[in-house]
Amino acid sequence: MKLRRWQTEAIEAIKGQERPVVWAIMGAGKSITIAEICKRNRQDVIVVTAPTIALVEQLSGTIAAHTGECVGRWYTKENHKSRITVACHASLKTLTGDVDLWIADEAHKSECSEVIAWEEDIKPARRIGFTATPWRSSERESLSLFKQ
């Protein structure tokens, strides 16, 4: 699949950045961009987080189709880890191990206790946030785990 220009430019723009955020509207192709980053980082253990089981299912399918790899899913009823694992926020407390790259889909929803505790425990080497909603209504809801 050929990437859109914005996707290629975004991937290039975040290289070497510390805790970057990719902003794109709903339907722009964030899932494919996430999958492409997974594909380009074949040597890394990657955890992709999402706030809901439905997003875990959708993302794991997209990433598997794009990379040709078996993708783990980590949530209430399924706990399968792989080099790339897509995990639901609510189940992160049970997901352990080294993480080279953390990709947060819906990064604006990462300001919850489960994600913050997991990040503090795991300390992923690198991270990238994806969101259509980079600005929050109050300072308390800012993206503290990413740089805007």
C-alpha atoms as a PDB file:
ATOM      1  CA  MET A   1       0.000   0.000   0.000  1.00  0.00           C
ATOM      2  CA  LYS A   2       1.337   3.401  -0.979  1.00  0.00           C
ATOM      3  CA  LEU A   3       1.402   5.897   1.857  1.00  0.00           C
ATOM      4  CA  ARG A   4      -0.178   9.305   1.493  1.00  0.00           C
ATOM      5  CA  ARG A   5       2.194  12.253   1.402  1.00  0.00           C
ATOM      6  CA  TRP A   6       1.269  13.401   4.908  1.00  0.00           C
ATOM      7  CA  GLN A   7       2.034   9.925   6.291  1.00  0.00           C
ATOM      8  CA  THR A   8       5.510   9.812   4.766  1.00  0.00           C
ATOM      9  CA  GLU A   9       6.211  13.376   5.898  1.00  0.00           C
ATOM     10  CA  ALA A  10       4.996  12.641   9.442  1.00  0.00           C
ATOM     11  CA  ILE A  11       7.173   9.537   9.746  1.00  0.00           C
ATOM     12  CA  GLU A  12      10.208  11.511   8.583  1.00  0.00           C
ATOM     13  CA  ALA A  13       9.385  14.512  10.804  1.00  0.00           C
ATOM     14  CA  ILE A  14       9.278  12.495  14.038  1.00  0.00           C
ATOM     15  CA  LYS A  15      12.606  10.707  13.517  1.00  0.00           C
ATOM     16  CA  GLY A  16      14.950  11.546  16.347  1.00  0.00           C
ATOM     17  CA  GLN A  17      12.315  13.509  18.279  1.00  0.00           C
ATOM     18  CA  GLU A  18      11.782  12.818  21.931  1.00  0.00           C
ATOM     19  CA  ARG A  19       8.158  11.837  22.711  1.00  0.00           C
ATOM     20  CA  PRO A  20       6.564  13.209  19.496  1.00  0.00           C
ATOM     21  CA  VAL A  21       2.859  13.459  18.745  1.00  0.00           C
ATOM     22  CA  VAL A  22       1.377  12.933  15.278  1.00  0.00           C
ATOM     23  CA  TRP A  23      -1.864  14.868  14.794  1.00  0.00           C
ATOM     24  CA  ALA A  24      -4.287  13.820  12.084  1.00  0.00           C
ATOM     25  CA  ILE A  25      -8.048  13.974  11.718  1.00  0.00           C
ATOM     26  CA  MET A  26     -10.260  10.935  12.021  1.00  0.00           C
ATOM     27  CA  GLY A  27     -10.117   8.863   8.847  1.00  0.00           C
ATOM     28  CA  ALA A  28      -6.791  10.289   7.678  1.00  0.00           C
ATOM     29  CA  GLY A  29      -4.935   7.002   8.020  1.00  0.00           C
ATOM     30  CA  LYS A  30      -3.354   7.019  11.472  1.00  0.00           C
ATOM     31  CA  SER A  31      -3.672   3.210  11.752  1.00  0.00           C
ATOM     32  CA  ILE A  32      -1.757   2.649   8.505  1.00  0.00           C
ATOM     33  CA  THR A  33       0.895   5.133   9.675  1.00  0.00           C
ATOM     34  CA  ILE A  34       1.237   3.224  12.938  1.00  0.00           C
ATOM     35  CA  ALA A  35       1.526  -0.032  10.974  1.00  0.00           C
ATOM     36  CA  GLU A  36       4.210   1.463   8.726  1.00  0.00           C
ATOM     37  CA  ILE A  37       6.236   2.569  11.749  1.00  0.00           C
ATOM     38  CA  CYS A  38       5.992  -0.988  13.113  1.00  0.00           C
ATOM     39  CA  LYS A  39       7.137  -2.339   9.745  1.00  0.00           C
ATOM     40  CA  ARG A  40      10.127   0.039   9.608  1.00  0.00           C
ATOM     41  CA  ASN A  41      11.237  -0.879  13.130  1.00  0.00           C
ATOM     42  CA  ARG A  42      11.521  -4.644  12.653  1.00  0.00           C
ATOM     43  CA  GLN A  43      14.235  -5.044  15.281  1.00  0.00           C
ATOM     44  CA  ASP A  44      12.149  -3.476  18.076  1.00  0.00           C
ATOM     45  CA  VAL A  45       9.724  -4.847  20.619  1.00  0.00           C
ATOM     46  CA  ILE A  46       6.707  -2.590  20.112  1.00  0.00           C
ATOM     47  CA  VAL A  47       3.628  -2.020  22.249  1.00  0.00           C
ATOM     48  CA  VAL A  48       0.737  -0.117  20.715  1.00  0.00           C
ATOM     49  CA  THR A  49      -1.836   1.057  23.245  1.00  0.00           C
ATOM     50  CA  ALA A  50      -5.485   1.900  22.635  1.00  0.00           C
ATOM     51  CA  PRO A  51      -8.286   2.865  25.016  1.00  0.00           C
ATOM     52  CA  THR A  52     -10.821   0.215  23.912  1.00  0.00           C
ATOM     53  CA  ILE A  53     -10.954  -3.451  22.958  1.00  0.00           C
ATOM     54  CA  ALA A  54     -12.566  -2.514  19.639  1.00  0.00           C
ATOM     55  CA  LEU A  55      -9.522  -0.371  18.780  1.00  0.00           C
ATOM     56  CA  VAL A  56      -7.169  -3.178  19.877  1.00  0.00           C
ATOM     57  CA  GLU A  57      -8.922  -5.524  17.460  1.00  0.00           C
ATOM     58  CA  GLN A  58      -8.939  -2.985  14.610  1.00  0.00           C
ATOM     59  CA  LEU A  59      -5.306  -1.931  15.063  1.00  0.00           C
ATOM     60  CA  SER A  60      -3.952  -5.446  15.456  1.00  0.00           C
ATOM     61  CA  GLY A  61      -5.665  -6.470  12.213  1.00  0.00           C
ATOM     62  CA  THR A  62      -4.378  -3.432  10.320  1.00  0.00           C
ATOM     63  CA  ILE A  63      -0.825  -3.876  11.615  1.00  0.00           C
ATOM     64  CA  ALA A  64      -0.818  -7.616  10.846  1.00  0.00           C
ATOM     65  CA  ALA A  65      -2.088  -7.035   7.298  1.00  0.00           C
ATOM     66  CA  HIS A  66       0.437  -4.253   6.648  1.00  0.00           C
ATOM     67  CA  THR A  67       3.497  -5.922   8.195  1.00  0.00           C
ATOM     68  CA  GLY A  68       2.752  -9.569   7.419  1.00  0.00           C
ATOM     69  CA  GLU A  69       3.530 -10.410  11.054  1.00  0.00           C
ATOM     70  CA  CYS A  70       1.588 -12.081  13.818  1.00  0.00           C
ATOM     71  CA  VAL A  71       0.480  -9.287  16.144  1.00  0.00           C
ATOM     72  CA  GLY A  72      -0.252  -9.935  19.805  1.00  0.00           C
ATOM     73  CA  ARG A  73      -3.404  -8.672  21.500  1.00  0.00           C
ATOM     74  CA  TRP A  74      -3.536  -7.868  25.196  1.00  0.00           C
ATOM     75  CA  TYR A  75      -6.884  -7.254  26.866  1.00  0.00           C
ATOM     76  CA  THR A  76      -9.425  -8.851  29.191  1.00  0.00           C
ATOM     77  CA  LYS A  77     -10.098 -12.029  27.191  1.00  0.00           C
ATOM     78  CA  GLU A  78      -6.868 -12.358  25.224  1.00  0.00           C
ATOM     79  CA  ASN A  79      -3.298 -12.176  26.482  1.00  0.00           C
ATOM     80  CA  HIS A  80      -0.983 -12.993  23.593  1.00  0.00           C
ATOM     81  CA  LYS A  81       2.329 -11.167  23.318  1.00  0.00           C
ATOM     82  CA  SER A  82       4.384 -10.913  20.169  1.00  0.00           C
ATOM     83  CA  ARG A  83       7.119  -8.624  18.876  1.00  0.00           C
ATOM     84  CA  ILE A  84       4.290  -6.186  18.185  1.00  0.00           C
ATOM     85  CA  THR A  85       1.528  -6.244  20.798  1.00  0.00           C
ATOM     86  CA  VAL A  86      -1.581  -4.083  20.806  1.00  0.00           C
ATOM     87  CA  ALA A  87      -2.914  -3.568  24.334  1.00  0.00           C
ATOM     88  CA  CYS A  88      -6.008  -2.037  25.901  1.00  0.00           C
ATOM     89  CA  HIS A  89      -5.404   0.642  28.551  1.00  0.00           C
ATOM     90  CA  ALA A  90      -7.375  -1.261  31.195  1.00  0.00           C
ATOM     91  CA  SER A  91      -5.144  -4.356  30.835  1.00  0.00           C
ATOM     92  CA  LEU A  92      -1.747  -2.635  30.839  1.00  0.00           C
ATOM     93  CA  LYS A  93      -1.081  -3.422  34.503  1.00  0.00           C
ATOM     94  CA  THR A  94      -0.519  -7.069  33.516  1.00  0.00           C
ATOM     95  CA  LEU A  95       1.644  -6.373  30.449  1.00  0.00           C
ATOM     96  CA  THR A  96       5.299  -6.569  31.478  1.00  0.00           C
ATOM     97  CA  GLY A  97       8.669  -6.832  29.754  1.00  0.00           C
ATOM     98  CA  ASP A  98      11.075  -4.634  27.857  1.00  0.00           C
ATOM     99  CA  VAL A  99       9.623  -2.233  25.297  1.00  0.00           C
ATOM    100  CA  ASP A 100      11.766  -0.527  22.667  1.00  0.00           C
ATOM    101  CA  LEU A 101       8.951   1.521  21.160  1.00  0.00           C
ATOM    102  CA  TRP A 102       5.582   2.508  22.596  1.00  0.00           C
ATOM    103  CA  ILE A 103       2.994   3.872  20.170  1.00  0.00           C
ATOM    104  CA  ALA A 104      -0.105   5.382  21.789  1.00  0.00           C
ATOM    105  CA  ASP A 105      -3.157   5.508  19.559  1.00  0.00           C
ATOM    106  CA  GLU A 106      -5.649   8.070  20.867  1.00  0.00           C
ATOM    107  CA  ALA A 107      -2.788   9.629  22.861  1.00  0.00           C
ATOM    108  CA  HIS A 108      -5.198  12.243  24.218  1.00  0.00           C
ATOM    109  CA  LYS A 109      -6.706   9.420  26.286  1.00  0.00           C
ATOM    110  CA  SER A 110      -3.330   8.358  27.737  1.00  0.00           C
ATOM    111  CA  GLU A 111      -3.728  10.584  30.802  1.00  0.00           C
ATOM    112  CA  CYS A 112      -5.350   7.778  32.787  1.00  0.00           C
ATOM    113  CA  SER A 113      -3.911   6.003  35.819  1.00  0.00           C
ATOM    114  CA  GLU A 114      -3.425   2.678  33.984  1.00  0.00           C
ATOM    115  CA  VAL A 115      -1.298   4.185  31.206  1.00  0.00           C
ATOM    116  CA  ILE A 116       0.700   6.465  33.498  1.00  0.00           C
ATOM    117  CA  ALA A 117       1.490   3.617  35.933  1.00  0.00           C
ATOM    118  CA  TRP A 118       2.482   1.284  33.064  1.00  0.00           C
ATOM    119  CA  GLU A 119       4.753   3.905  31.496  1.00  0.00           C
ATOM    120  CA  GLU A 120       6.449   4.587  34.847  1.00  0.00           C
ATOM    121  CA  ASP A 121       6.997   0.851  35.410  1.00  0.00           C
ATOM    122  CA  ILE A 122       8.052  -0.182  31.884  1.00  0.00           C
ATOM    123  CA  LYS A 123       9.915   2.999  30.864  1.00  0.00           C
ATOM    124  CA  PRO A 124       9.762   2.395  27.092  1.00  0.00           C
ATOM    125  CA  ALA A 125      12.932   3.464  25.297  1.00  0.00           C
ATOM    126  CA  ARG A 126      11.005   5.537  22.728  1.00  0.00           C
ATOM    127  CA  ARG A 127       7.409   6.653  22.296  1.00  0.00           C
ATOM    128  CA  ILE A 128       5.125   8.186  19.697  1.00  0.00           C
ATOM    129  CA  GLY A 129       1.612   9.484  20.289  1.00  0.00           C
ATOM    130  CA  PHE A 130      -1.141   9.601  17.661  1.00  0.00           C
ATOM    131  CA  THR A 131      -4.265  11.690  18.100  1.00  0.00           C
ATOM    132  CA  ALA A 132      -6.956  13.675  16.364  1.00  0.00           C
ATOM    133  CA  THR A 133      -7.406  15.667  19.584  1.00  0.00           C
ATOM    134  CA  PRO A 134      -4.020  17.070  20.671  1.00  0.00           C
ATOM    135  CA  TRP A 135      -5.376  19.891  22.811  1.00  0.00           C
ATOM    136  CA  ARG A 136      -7.472  19.284  25.886  1.00  0.00           C
ATOM    137  CA  SER A 137      -9.949  21.554  27.638  1.00  0.00           C
ATOM    138  CA  SER A 138      -7.902  21.874  30.828  1.00  0.00           C
ATOM    139  CA  GLU A 139      -4.238  21.801  31.855  1.00  0.00           C
ATOM    140  CA  ARG A 140      -5.028  18.738  33.955  1.00  0.00           C
ATOM    141  CA  GLU A 141      -5.794  16.849  30.734  1.00  0.00           C
ATOM    142  CA  SER A 142      -2.615  17.823  28.879  1.00  0.00           C
ATOM    143  CA  LEU A 143      -0.493  15.210  27.138  1.00  0.00           C
ATOM    144  CA  SER A 144       2.129  14.862  29.864  1.00  0.00           C
ATOM    145  CA  LEU A 145       3.627  11.674  28.395  1.00  0.00           C
ATOM    146  CA  PHE A 146       4.317  13.339  25.025  1.00  0.00           C
ATOM    147  CA  LYS A 147       5.744  16.603  23.734  1.00  0.00           C
ATOM    148  CA  GLN A 148       3.416  18.758  21.674  1.00  0.00           C
END
